[in-house]
Amino acid sequence: MPVLAVATDGSSITWLPQSGDAASRKLGRVTEQLTVTVGRRAARAILIDDLGRLVLIKRTKPGQAPYWTAPGGGVEDTDPSVEAALYRELAEELGAKATDASQVFLFSSPSDGGVAVQHFFVARLASLDESARSGPEFSDPSRGGYDLDRVDLRGDDLASIDLKPTALKEFILANREALMVEAGAAA
């Protein structure tokens, strides 16, 4: 079965056909090169503490039900890599340091500028100082609350919250034991 290769230069993603054979054409597979502009890239952490708890941001906005997100944020032009952006964002949003980050999940969705891409890394929480949190989200009360929350990965707690994107929640639920092992937490 022909497989598509993906090439990226940071501002676009190109799907390249591996084969333009008759079987590909008959099955309706992509046989032409397709390029999509990346509108925004983000680095986010599936951040796990020593007790096997997932460290999340609980978002509260006036008039909306609360939801949870993985800590992280946009990759800036000055970031030397997506992983470097992750460590910077964890310091800003949580006052946290993490170790052993490894990309395990990629999520993309349509955006005004093409496609938004979120890189998710599993990482172990090394330290956290809430008083060191910084960033524009903390200086503008109209943006709502950004509360630190920890969710035990061993029980049913994760299933009961609205973690966004939903695909991330499904990925974590399906792989939680492996993610805890990867982060060095007791499974």
N, C-alpha and C. Protein backbone atom coordinates (compact mmCIF):
# COMPACT_ATOMS: atom_id res chain seq x y z
N MET A 1 0.84 -1.17 0.00
CA MET A 1 0.00 0.00 0.00
C MET A 1 0.89 1.24 0.00
N PRO A 2 0.73 2.15 -0.93
CA PRO A 2 1.56 3.35 -0.98
C PRO A 2 1.33 4.22 0.26
N VAL A 3 2.40 4.81 0.73
CA VAL A 3 2.36 5.66 1.91
C VAL A 3 2.80 7.05 1.51
N LEU A 4 2.22 8.07 2.14
CA LEU A 4 2.62 9.44 1.86
C LEU A 4 3.73 9.85 2.80
N ALA A 5 4.71 10.55 2.28
CA ALA A 5 5.76 11.13 3.10
C ALA A 5 5.38 12.58 3.38
N VAL A 6 5.81 13.10 4.50
CA VAL A 6 5.51 14.47 4.86
C VAL A 6 6.81 15.23 5.02
N ALA A 7 6.89 16.38 4.38
CA ALA A 7 8.04 17.27 4.54
C ALA A 7 7.54 18.59 5.09
N THR A 8 8.28 19.18 6.00
CA THR A 8 7.87 20.47 6.54
C THR A 8 9.07 21.40 6.64
N ASP A 9 8.83 22.67 6.38
CA ASP A 9 9.88 23.68 6.54
C ASP A 9 9.52 24.64 7.67
N GLY A 10 8.51 24.30 8.48
CA GLY A 10 8.08 25.14 9.57
C GLY A 10 6.94 26.06 9.20
N SER A 11 6.85 26.48 7.94
CA SER A 11 5.77 27.37 7.53
C SER A 11 4.75 26.67 6.65
N SER A 12 5.09 25.47 6.20
CA SER A 12 4.15 24.71 5.39
C SER A 12 4.41 23.22 5.57
N ILE A 13 3.42 22.43 5.23
CA ILE A 13 3.55 20.98 5.26
C ILE A 13 3.25 20.49 3.86
N THR A 14 4.10 19.63 3.34
CA THR A 14 3.90 19.08 2.00
C THR A 14 3.76 17.57 2.10
N TRP A 15 2.67 17.05 1.55
CA TRP A 15 2.47 15.61 1.45
C TRP A 15 2.98 15.19 0.08
N LEU A 16 3.91 14.27 0.07
CA LEU A 16 4.52 13.82 -1.18
C LEU A 16 4.12 12.38 -1.46
N PRO A 17 3.60 12.11 -2.63
CA PRO A 17 3.24 10.72 -2.93
C PRO A 17 4.48 9.86 -3.05
N GLN A 18 4.40 8.65 -2.54
CA GLN A 18 5.51 7.71 -2.64
C GLN A 18 5.47 6.97 -3.96
N SER A 19 4.28 6.89 -4.52
CA SER A 19 4.15 6.09 -5.72
C SER A 19 2.95 6.61 -6.51
N GLY A 20 3.11 6.71 -7.79
CA GLY A 20 2.00 7.11 -8.65
C GLY A 20 1.51 5.92 -9.45
N ASP A 21 1.61 4.72 -8.87
CA ASP A 21 1.27 3.52 -9.60
C ASP A 21 -0.23 3.40 -9.85
N ALA A 22 -0.59 2.48 -10.69
CA ALA A 22 -1.99 2.28 -11.08
C ALA A 22 -2.86 1.93 -9.89
N ALA A 23 -2.33 1.16 -8.94
CA ALA A 23 -3.13 0.79 -7.76
C ALA A 23 -3.50 2.03 -6.96
N SER A 24 -2.58 2.98 -6.84
CA SER A 24 -2.87 4.22 -6.11
C SER A 24 -3.97 4.99 -6.80
N ARG A 25 -3.89 5.11 -8.11
CA ARG A 25 -4.90 5.86 -8.85
C ARG A 25 -6.26 5.16 -8.75
N LYS A 26 -6.27 3.84 -8.85
CA LYS A 26 -7.52 3.10 -8.80
C LYS A 26 -8.19 3.23 -7.44
N LEU A 27 -7.40 3.24 -6.36
CA LEU A 27 -7.95 3.33 -5.02
C LEU A 27 -8.23 4.77 -4.60
N GLY A 28 -7.93 5.72 -5.46
CA GLY A 28 -8.22 7.12 -5.15
C GLY A 28 -7.26 7.75 -4.17
N ARG A 29 -6.09 7.18 -4.02
CA ARG A 29 -5.10 7.77 -3.11
C ARG A 29 -4.49 9.01 -3.75
N VAL A 30 -3.96 9.86 -2.91
CA VAL A 30 -3.32 11.08 -3.40
C VAL A 30 -2.08 10.72 -4.21
N THR A 31 -2.03 11.20 -5.43
CA THR A 31 -0.86 10.96 -6.26
C THR A 31 -0.22 12.28 -6.69
N GLU A 32 -0.76 13.39 -6.21
CA GLU A 32 -0.22 14.71 -6.50
C GLU A 32 0.35 15.29 -5.22
N GLN A 33 1.34 16.15 -5.36
CA GLN A 33 1.90 16.84 -4.21
C GLN A 33 0.87 17.84 -3.68
N LEU A 34 0.73 17.91 -2.37
CA LEU A 34 -0.22 18.81 -1.73
C LEU A 34 0.51 19.60 -0.66
N THR A 35 0.43 20.92 -0.71
CA THR A 35 1.08 21.77 0.28
C THR A 35 0.03 22.59 1.01
N VAL A 36 0.14 22.62 2.33
CA VAL A 36 -0.78 23.37 3.18
C VAL A 36 0.05 24.32 4.04
N THR A 37 -0.39 25.55 4.16
CA THR A 37 0.31 26.54 4.98
C THR A 37 0.01 26.30 6.45
N VAL A 38 1.07 26.30 7.26
CA VAL A 38 0.91 26.18 8.70
C VAL A 38 0.68 27.57 9.26
N GLY A 39 -0.52 27.80 9.84
CA GLY A 39 -0.87 29.10 10.37
C GLY A 39 -0.27 29.36 11.74
N ARG A 40 -0.28 28.36 12.60
CA ARG A 40 0.24 28.52 13.95
C ARG A 40 0.75 27.17 14.42
N ARG A 41 1.91 27.20 15.08
CA ARG A 41 2.45 25.98 15.69
C ARG A 41 2.50 26.19 17.19
N ALA A 42 2.19 25.15 17.92
CA ALA A 42 2.23 25.20 19.38
C ALA A 42 2.96 23.98 19.91
N ALA A 43 3.59 24.16 21.05
CA ALA A 43 4.26 23.07 21.77
C ALA A 43 3.54 22.90 23.10
N ARG A 44 3.08 21.70 23.39
CA ARG A 44 2.32 21.45 24.62
C ARG A 44 2.86 20.20 25.31
N ALA A 45 2.66 20.16 26.63
CA ALA A 45 3.19 19.05 27.42
C ALA A 45 2.10 18.15 27.96
N ILE A 46 2.32 16.87 27.82
CA ILE A 46 1.61 15.86 28.60
C ILE A 46 2.55 15.68 29.79
N LEU A 47 2.39 16.57 30.76
CA LEU A 47 3.33 16.73 31.87
C LEU A 47 2.86 15.88 33.05
N ILE A 48 3.73 14.97 33.50
CA ILE A 48 3.36 14.00 34.53
C ILE A 48 4.28 14.17 35.72
N ASP A 49 3.69 14.23 36.93
CA ASP A 49 4.50 14.37 38.14
C ASP A 49 4.90 13.00 38.67
N ASP A 50 5.67 13.00 39.77
CA ASP A 50 6.18 11.74 40.33
C ASP A 50 5.08 10.81 40.84
N LEU A 51 3.89 11.36 41.10
CA LEU A 51 2.79 10.55 41.62
C LEU A 51 1.87 10.03 40.51
N GLY A 52 2.27 10.24 39.26
CA GLY A 52 1.45 9.76 38.14
C GLY A 52 0.26 10.63 37.85
N ARG A 53 0.36 11.92 38.21
CA ARG A 53 -0.72 12.85 37.93
C ARG A 53 -0.36 13.72 36.73
N LEU A 54 -1.35 13.97 35.92
CA LEU A 54 -1.22 14.83 34.75
C LEU A 54 -1.41 16.27 35.19
N VAL A 55 -0.45 17.13 34.86
CA VAL A 55 -0.51 18.55 35.23
C VAL A 55 -1.18 19.29 34.08
N LEU A 56 -2.31 19.94 34.39
CA LEU A 56 -3.12 20.61 33.37
C LEU A 56 -3.44 22.04 33.79
N ILE A 57 -3.93 22.81 32.83
CA ILE A 57 -4.46 24.14 33.08
C ILE A 57 -5.98 24.04 33.00
N LYS A 58 -6.66 24.44 34.08
CA LYS A 58 -8.12 24.50 34.07
C LYS A 58 -8.51 25.91 33.65
N ARG A 59 -9.19 26.00 32.52
CA ARG A 59 -9.60 27.29 31.95
C ARG A 59 -11.03 27.59 32.36
N THR A 60 -11.21 28.77 32.90
CA THR A 60 -12.55 29.24 33.23
C THR A 60 -12.74 30.60 32.56
N LYS A 61 -13.84 30.72 31.84
CA LYS A 61 -14.19 31.96 31.16
C LYS A 61 -15.63 32.31 31.51
N PRO A 62 -15.91 33.59 31.71
CA PRO A 62 -17.29 33.98 32.05
C PRO A 62 -18.28 33.47 31.00
N GLY A 63 -19.36 32.86 31.49
CA GLY A 63 -20.42 32.39 30.60
C GLY A 63 -20.13 31.07 29.90
N GLN A 64 -19.01 30.42 30.23
CA GLN A 64 -18.66 29.15 29.59
C GLN A 64 -18.38 28.09 30.64
N ALA A 65 -18.62 26.85 30.28
CA ALA A 65 -18.27 25.74 31.17
C ALA A 65 -16.75 25.63 31.23
N PRO A 66 -16.20 25.23 32.38
CA PRO A 66 -14.74 25.09 32.46
C PRO A 66 -14.25 23.96 31.55
N TYR A 67 -13.02 24.09 31.11
CA TYR A 67 -12.37 23.04 30.34
C TYR A 67 -10.89 23.02 30.71
N TRP A 68 -10.20 21.96 30.34
CA TRP A 68 -8.80 21.78 30.68
C TRP A 68 -7.97 21.73 29.40
N THR A 69 -6.73 22.19 29.51
CA THR A 69 -5.80 22.13 28.39
C THR A 69 -4.43 21.68 28.90
N ALA A 70 -3.65 21.15 28.00
CA ALA A 70 -2.26 20.83 28.31
C ALA A 70 -1.47 22.13 28.33
N PRO A 71 -0.55 22.29 29.28
CA PRO A 71 0.24 23.51 29.32
C PRO A 71 1.14 23.62 28.09
N GLY A 72 1.34 24.84 27.66
CA GLY A 72 2.17 25.11 26.50
C GLY A 72 1.63 26.28 25.73
N GLY A 73 2.18 26.51 24.56
CA GLY A 73 1.73 27.64 23.76
C GLY A 73 2.48 27.74 22.46
N GLY A 74 2.35 28.90 21.86
CA GLY A 74 2.87 29.12 20.52
C GLY A 74 4.38 29.05 20.40
N VAL A 75 4.82 28.50 19.27
CA VAL A 75 6.24 28.48 18.93
C VAL A 75 6.57 29.85 18.34
N GLU A 76 7.56 30.52 18.91
CA GLU A 76 7.96 31.84 18.44
C GLU A 76 9.13 31.73 17.47
N ASP A 77 9.28 32.73 16.62
CA ASP A 77 10.37 32.74 15.65
C ASP A 77 11.74 32.64 16.32
N THR A 78 11.85 33.14 17.55
CA THR A 78 13.13 33.13 18.26
C THR A 78 13.43 31.79 18.94
N ASP A 79 12.45 30.88 18.99
CA ASP A 79 12.68 29.57 19.59
C ASP A 79 13.55 28.73 18.65
N PRO A 80 14.65 28.18 19.16
CA PRO A 80 15.51 27.38 18.28
C PRO A 80 14.88 26.07 17.81
N SER A 81 13.86 25.59 18.54
CA SER A 81 13.18 24.35 18.17
C SER A 81 11.81 24.31 18.84
N VAL A 82 11.00 23.38 18.41
CA VAL A 82 9.69 23.19 19.04
C VAL A 82 9.88 22.75 20.49
N GLU A 83 10.85 21.90 20.74
CA GLU A 83 11.11 21.44 22.11
C GLU A 83 11.56 22.60 23.00
N ALA A 84 12.38 23.50 22.47
CA ALA A 84 12.79 24.68 23.23
C ALA A 84 11.59 25.56 23.56
N ALA A 85 10.66 25.67 22.62
CA ALA A 85 9.42 26.43 22.87
C ALA A 85 8.63 25.80 24.01
N LEU A 86 8.61 24.47 24.06
CA LEU A 86 7.91 23.77 25.13
C LEU A 86 8.47 24.16 26.49
N TYR A 87 9.79 24.09 26.64
CA TYR A 87 10.42 24.41 27.93
C TYR A 87 10.17 25.88 28.30
N ARG A 88 10.22 26.78 27.34
CA ARG A 88 9.95 28.20 27.60
C ARG A 88 8.52 28.38 28.07
N GLU A 89 7.57 27.76 27.37
CA GLU A 89 6.16 27.89 27.72
C GLU A 89 5.86 27.30 29.10
N LEU A 90 6.48 26.19 29.45
CA LEU A 90 6.25 25.60 30.77
C LEU A 90 6.74 26.54 31.88
N ALA A 91 7.87 27.19 31.64
CA ALA A 91 8.39 28.17 32.61
C ALA A 91 7.43 29.35 32.75
N GLU A 92 6.89 29.82 31.62
CA GLU A 92 5.98 30.97 31.65
C GLU A 92 4.63 30.60 32.29
N GLU A 93 4.00 29.55 31.82
CA GLU A 93 2.63 29.22 32.25
C GLU A 93 2.55 28.60 33.64
N LEU A 94 3.57 27.82 34.01
CA LEU A 94 3.50 27.09 35.27
C LEU A 94 4.61 27.45 36.26
N GLY A 95 5.65 28.14 35.80
CA GLY A 95 6.83 28.28 36.62
C GLY A 95 7.48 26.92 36.80
N ALA A 96 7.40 26.10 35.75
CA ALA A 96 7.81 24.69 35.84
C ALA A 96 9.06 24.41 35.02
N LYS A 97 9.78 23.40 35.48
CA LYS A 97 10.87 22.80 34.71
C LYS A 97 10.49 21.35 34.49
N ALA A 98 10.80 20.86 33.30
CA ALA A 98 10.49 19.47 32.95
C ALA A 98 11.74 18.81 32.39
N THR A 99 11.73 17.50 32.42
CA THR A 99 12.86 16.74 31.86
C THR A 99 12.33 15.68 30.92
N ASP A 100 13.24 15.17 30.12
CA ASP A 100 12.98 14.00 29.27
C ASP A 100 11.79 14.16 28.33
N ALA A 101 11.64 15.34 27.73
CA ALA A 101 10.53 15.56 26.80
C ALA A 101 10.72 14.74 25.54
N SER A 102 9.64 14.12 25.11
CA SER A 102 9.65 13.30 23.91
C SER A 102 8.32 13.51 23.18
N GLN A 103 8.39 13.92 21.90
CA GLN A 103 7.15 14.15 21.17
C GLN A 103 6.44 12.82 20.93
N VAL A 104 5.14 12.79 21.28
CA VAL A 104 4.38 11.56 21.17
C VAL A 104 3.07 11.71 20.40
N PHE A 105 2.65 12.95 20.15
CA PHE A 105 1.34 13.16 19.53
C PHE A 105 1.38 14.47 18.75
N LEU A 106 0.72 14.46 17.61
CA LEU A 106 0.63 15.65 16.76
C LEU A 106 -0.84 15.84 16.42
N PHE A 107 -1.33 17.06 16.63
CA PHE A 107 -2.73 17.36 16.35
C PHE A 107 -2.79 18.57 15.44
N SER A 108 -3.58 18.47 14.38
CA SER A 108 -3.74 19.61 13.48
C SER A 108 -5.22 19.89 13.27
N SER A 109 -5.51 21.15 13.01
CA SER A 109 -6.88 21.57 12.77
C SER A 109 -6.87 22.77 11.84
N PRO A 110 -7.95 22.97 11.08
CA PRO A 110 -8.01 24.12 10.18
C PRO A 110 -7.93 25.42 10.97
N SER A 111 -7.26 26.41 10.39
CA SER A 111 -7.21 27.74 11.00
C SER A 111 -7.28 28.78 9.89
N ASP A 112 -7.44 30.03 10.28
CA ASP A 112 -7.55 31.09 9.28
C ASP A 112 -6.32 31.15 8.37
N GLY A 113 -5.16 30.85 8.91
CA GLY A 113 -3.93 30.93 8.13
C GLY A 113 -3.55 29.63 7.47
N GLY A 114 -4.41 28.64 7.43
CA GLY A 114 -4.09 27.35 6.82
C GLY A 114 -4.43 26.22 7.77
N VAL A 115 -3.42 25.74 8.49
CA VAL A 115 -3.63 24.66 9.45
C VAL A 115 -2.84 24.99 10.71
N ALA A 116 -3.46 24.77 11.87
CA ALA A 116 -2.79 24.93 13.16
C ALA A 116 -2.26 23.57 13.57
N VAL A 117 -1.01 23.52 14.00
CA VAL A 117 -0.37 22.27 14.38
C VAL A 117 0.08 22.36 15.83
N GLN A 118 -0.32 21.36 16.63
CA GLN A 118 0.10 21.29 18.02
C GLN A 118 0.97 20.05 18.20
N HIS A 119 2.18 20.27 18.70
CA HIS A 119 3.13 19.20 19.00
C HIS A 119 2.99 18.89 20.49
N PHE A 120 2.67 17.65 20.83
CA PHE A 120 2.52 17.26 22.23
C PHE A 120 3.70 16.38 22.63
N PHE A 121 4.34 16.76 23.73
CA PHE A 121 5.49 16.04 24.28
C PHE A 121 5.10 15.46 25.62
N VAL A 122 5.45 14.20 25.87
CA VAL A 122 5.34 13.67 27.22
C VAL A 122 6.61 14.09 27.94
N ALA A 123 6.47 14.54 29.18
CA ALA A 123 7.63 15.00 29.95
C ALA A 123 7.36 14.77 31.43
N ARG A 124 8.45 14.71 32.17
CA ARG A 124 8.37 14.54 33.62
C ARG A 124 8.51 15.90 34.29
N LEU A 125 7.63 16.20 35.22
CA LEU A 125 7.72 17.44 35.99
C LEU A 125 8.90 17.35 36.95
N ALA A 126 9.86 18.29 36.82
CA ALA A 126 11.02 18.31 37.71
C ALA A 126 10.79 19.27 38.88
N SER A 127 10.20 20.43 38.59
CA SER A 127 9.90 21.40 39.65
C SER A 127 8.80 22.32 39.18
N LEU A 128 8.15 22.96 40.16
CA LEU A 128 7.05 23.87 39.84
C LEU A 128 7.00 24.96 40.91
N ASP A 129 6.97 26.21 40.47
CA ASP A 129 6.88 27.36 41.36
C ASP A 129 5.80 28.28 40.81
N GLU A 130 4.58 28.15 41.35
CA GLU A 130 3.46 28.94 40.83
C GLU A 130 3.70 30.44 40.90
N SER A 131 4.53 30.89 41.84
CA SER A 131 4.79 32.33 41.95
C SER A 131 5.63 32.85 40.78
N ALA A 132 6.24 31.95 40.01
CA ALA A 132 7.06 32.35 38.86
C ALA A 132 6.27 32.39 37.56
N ARG A 133 4.97 32.12 37.62
CA ARG A 133 4.15 32.15 36.40
C ARG A 133 4.14 33.56 35.83
N SER A 134 4.22 33.64 34.50
CA SER A 134 4.22 34.95 33.83
C SER A 134 3.55 34.80 32.47
N GLY A 135 3.35 35.92 31.80
CA GLY A 135 2.77 35.87 30.48
C GLY A 135 1.52 36.73 30.41
N PRO A 136 1.10 37.06 29.19
CA PRO A 136 -0.04 37.96 29.01
C PRO A 136 -1.35 37.40 29.55
N GLU A 137 -1.49 36.09 29.61
CA GLU A 137 -2.74 35.51 30.10
C GLU A 137 -2.99 35.81 31.57
N PHE A 138 -1.92 36.11 32.32
CA PHE A 138 -2.08 36.37 33.75
C PHE A 138 -2.30 37.85 34.07
N SER A 139 -2.04 38.73 33.11
CA SER A 139 -2.19 40.17 33.36
C SER A 139 -3.51 40.73 32.84
N ASP A 140 -4.31 39.92 32.16
CA ASP A 140 -5.57 40.40 31.60
C ASP A 140 -6.73 39.57 32.16
N PRO A 141 -7.43 40.09 33.20
CA PRO A 141 -8.51 39.32 33.82
C PRO A 141 -9.66 38.97 32.88
N SER A 142 -9.81 39.71 31.79
CA SER A 142 -10.90 39.41 30.85
C SER A 142 -10.68 38.09 30.12
N ARG A 143 -9.46 37.56 30.18
CA ARG A 143 -9.16 36.28 29.52
C ARG A 143 -9.62 35.09 30.34
N GLY A 144 -10.07 35.34 31.58
CA GLY A 144 -10.55 34.26 32.42
C GLY A 144 -9.45 33.67 33.27
N GLY A 145 -9.76 32.53 33.92
CA GLY A 145 -8.83 31.90 34.84
C GLY A 145 -7.96 30.85 34.18
N TYR A 146 -6.73 30.75 34.69
CA TYR A 146 -5.75 29.75 34.26
C TYR A 146 -5.26 29.04 35.52
N ASP A 147 -6.05 28.12 36.03
CA ASP A 147 -5.73 27.47 37.29
C ASP A 147 -4.98 26.17 37.06
N LEU A 148 -3.98 25.95 37.87
CA LEU A 148 -3.22 24.71 37.83
C LEU A 148 -4.06 23.59 38.42
N ASP A 149 -4.07 22.44 37.76
CA ASP A 149 -4.83 21.29 38.25
C ASP A 149 -4.01 20.03 37.97
N ARG A 150 -4.18 19.05 38.83
CA ARG A 150 -3.52 17.76 38.64
C ARG A 150 -4.59 16.67 38.62
N VAL A 151 -4.48 15.80 37.64
CA VAL A 151 -5.48 14.76 37.44
C VAL A 151 -4.77 13.40 37.50
N ASP A 152 -5.23 12.54 38.40
CA ASP A 152 -4.63 11.22 38.57
C ASP A 152 -4.88 10.38 37.32
N LEU A 153 -3.80 9.89 36.73
CA LEU A 153 -3.93 9.08 35.52
C LEU A 153 -4.32 7.63 35.81
N ARG A 154 -4.27 7.23 37.06
CA ARG A 154 -4.57 5.83 37.39
C ARG A 154 -6.06 5.55 37.54
N GLY A 155 -6.85 6.56 37.80
CA GLY A 155 -8.28 6.36 38.03
C GLY A 155 -9.11 6.86 36.86
N ASP A 156 -10.34 7.23 37.19
CA ASP A 156 -11.29 7.70 36.17
C ASP A 156 -11.37 9.22 36.09
N ASP A 157 -10.49 9.92 36.80
CA ASP A 157 -10.58 11.38 36.84
C ASP A 157 -10.49 12.01 35.46
N LEU A 158 -9.58 11.54 34.63
CA LEU A 158 -9.40 12.13 33.31
C LEU A 158 -10.65 11.97 32.45
N ALA A 159 -11.30 10.83 32.56
CA ALA A 159 -12.51 10.59 31.76
C ALA A 159 -13.63 11.57 32.10
N SER A 160 -13.60 12.14 33.30
CA SER A 160 -14.70 12.99 33.75
C SER A 160 -14.51 14.47 33.45
N ILE A 161 -13.36 14.87 32.90
CA ILE A 161 -13.15 16.30 32.62
C ILE A 161 -13.20 16.57 31.12
N ASP A 162 -13.38 17.83 30.77
CA ASP A 162 -13.43 18.25 29.37
C ASP A 162 -12.04 18.72 28.95
N LEU A 163 -11.17 17.76 28.60
CA LEU A 163 -9.82 18.08 28.14
C LEU A 163 -9.87 18.34 26.64
N LYS A 164 -9.31 19.46 26.24
CA LYS A 164 -9.30 19.84 24.82
C LYS A 164 -7.87 19.82 24.30
N PRO A 165 -7.67 19.38 23.07
CA PRO A 165 -8.65 18.82 22.16
C PRO A 165 -9.06 17.40 22.59
N THR A 166 -10.24 17.02 22.19
CA THR A 166 -10.78 15.70 22.55
C THR A 166 -9.86 14.58 22.08
N ALA A 167 -9.22 14.77 20.93
CA ALA A 167 -8.31 13.74 20.41
C ALA A 167 -7.14 13.51 21.37
N LEU A 168 -6.70 14.55 22.06
CA LEU A 168 -5.63 14.40 23.05
C LEU A 168 -6.13 13.57 24.23
N LYS A 169 -7.32 13.86 24.70
CA LYS A 169 -7.89 13.10 25.81
C LYS A 169 -7.97 11.61 25.44
N GLU A 170 -8.46 11.33 24.24
CA GLU A 170 -8.57 9.94 23.79
C GLU A 170 -7.20 9.27 23.71
N PHE A 171 -6.20 10.01 23.22
CA PHE A 171 -4.84 9.48 23.12
C PHE A 171 -4.29 9.15 24.51
N ILE A 172 -4.45 10.07 25.44
CA ILE A 172 -3.92 9.84 26.79
C ILE A 172 -4.64 8.67 27.46
N LEU A 173 -5.95 8.61 27.35
CA LEU A 173 -6.69 7.50 27.96
C LEU A 173 -6.24 6.16 27.38
N ALA A 174 -5.99 6.11 26.09
CA ALA A 174 -5.58 4.85 25.45
C ALA A 174 -4.14 4.47 25.75
N ASN A 175 -3.32 5.45 26.16
CA ASN A 175 -1.88 5.20 26.31
C ASN A 175 -1.33 5.61 27.68
N ARG A 176 -2.18 5.77 28.67
CA ARG A 176 -1.72 6.37 29.92
C ARG A 176 -0.62 5.58 30.62
N GLU A 177 -0.67 4.26 30.61
CA GLU A 177 0.38 3.49 31.27
C GLU A 177 1.72 3.71 30.59
N ALA A 178 1.74 3.67 29.27
CA ALA A 178 2.98 3.89 28.52
C ALA A 178 3.50 5.32 28.73
N LEU A 179 2.60 6.29 28.79
CA LEU A 179 3.01 7.68 29.01
C LEU A 179 3.64 7.85 30.39
N MET A 180 3.07 7.20 31.41
CA MET A 180 3.65 7.28 32.75
C MET A 180 5.04 6.66 32.78
N VAL A 181 5.20 5.53 32.11
CA VAL A 181 6.51 4.89 32.05
C VAL A 181 7.50 5.80 31.33
N GLU A 182 7.09 6.36 30.21
CA GLU A 182 7.96 7.25 29.43
C GLU A 182 8.39 8.46 30.26
N ALA A 183 7.50 8.96 31.11
CA ALA A 183 7.81 10.13 31.94
C ALA A 183 8.55 9.75 33.22
N GLY A 184 8.71 8.45 33.46
CA GLY A 184 9.43 8.02 34.66
C GLY A 184 8.59 8.03 35.92
N ALA A 185 7.27 8.07 35.78
CA ALA A 185 6.38 8.02 36.94
C ALA A 185 5.97 6.58 37.17
N ALA A 186 5.70 6.25 38.42
CA ALA A 186 5.26 4.89 38.74
C ALA A 186 3.89 4.64 38.12
N ALA A 187 3.79 3.59 37.32
CA ALA A 187 2.51 3.28 36.64
C ALA A 187 1.55 2.55 37.53
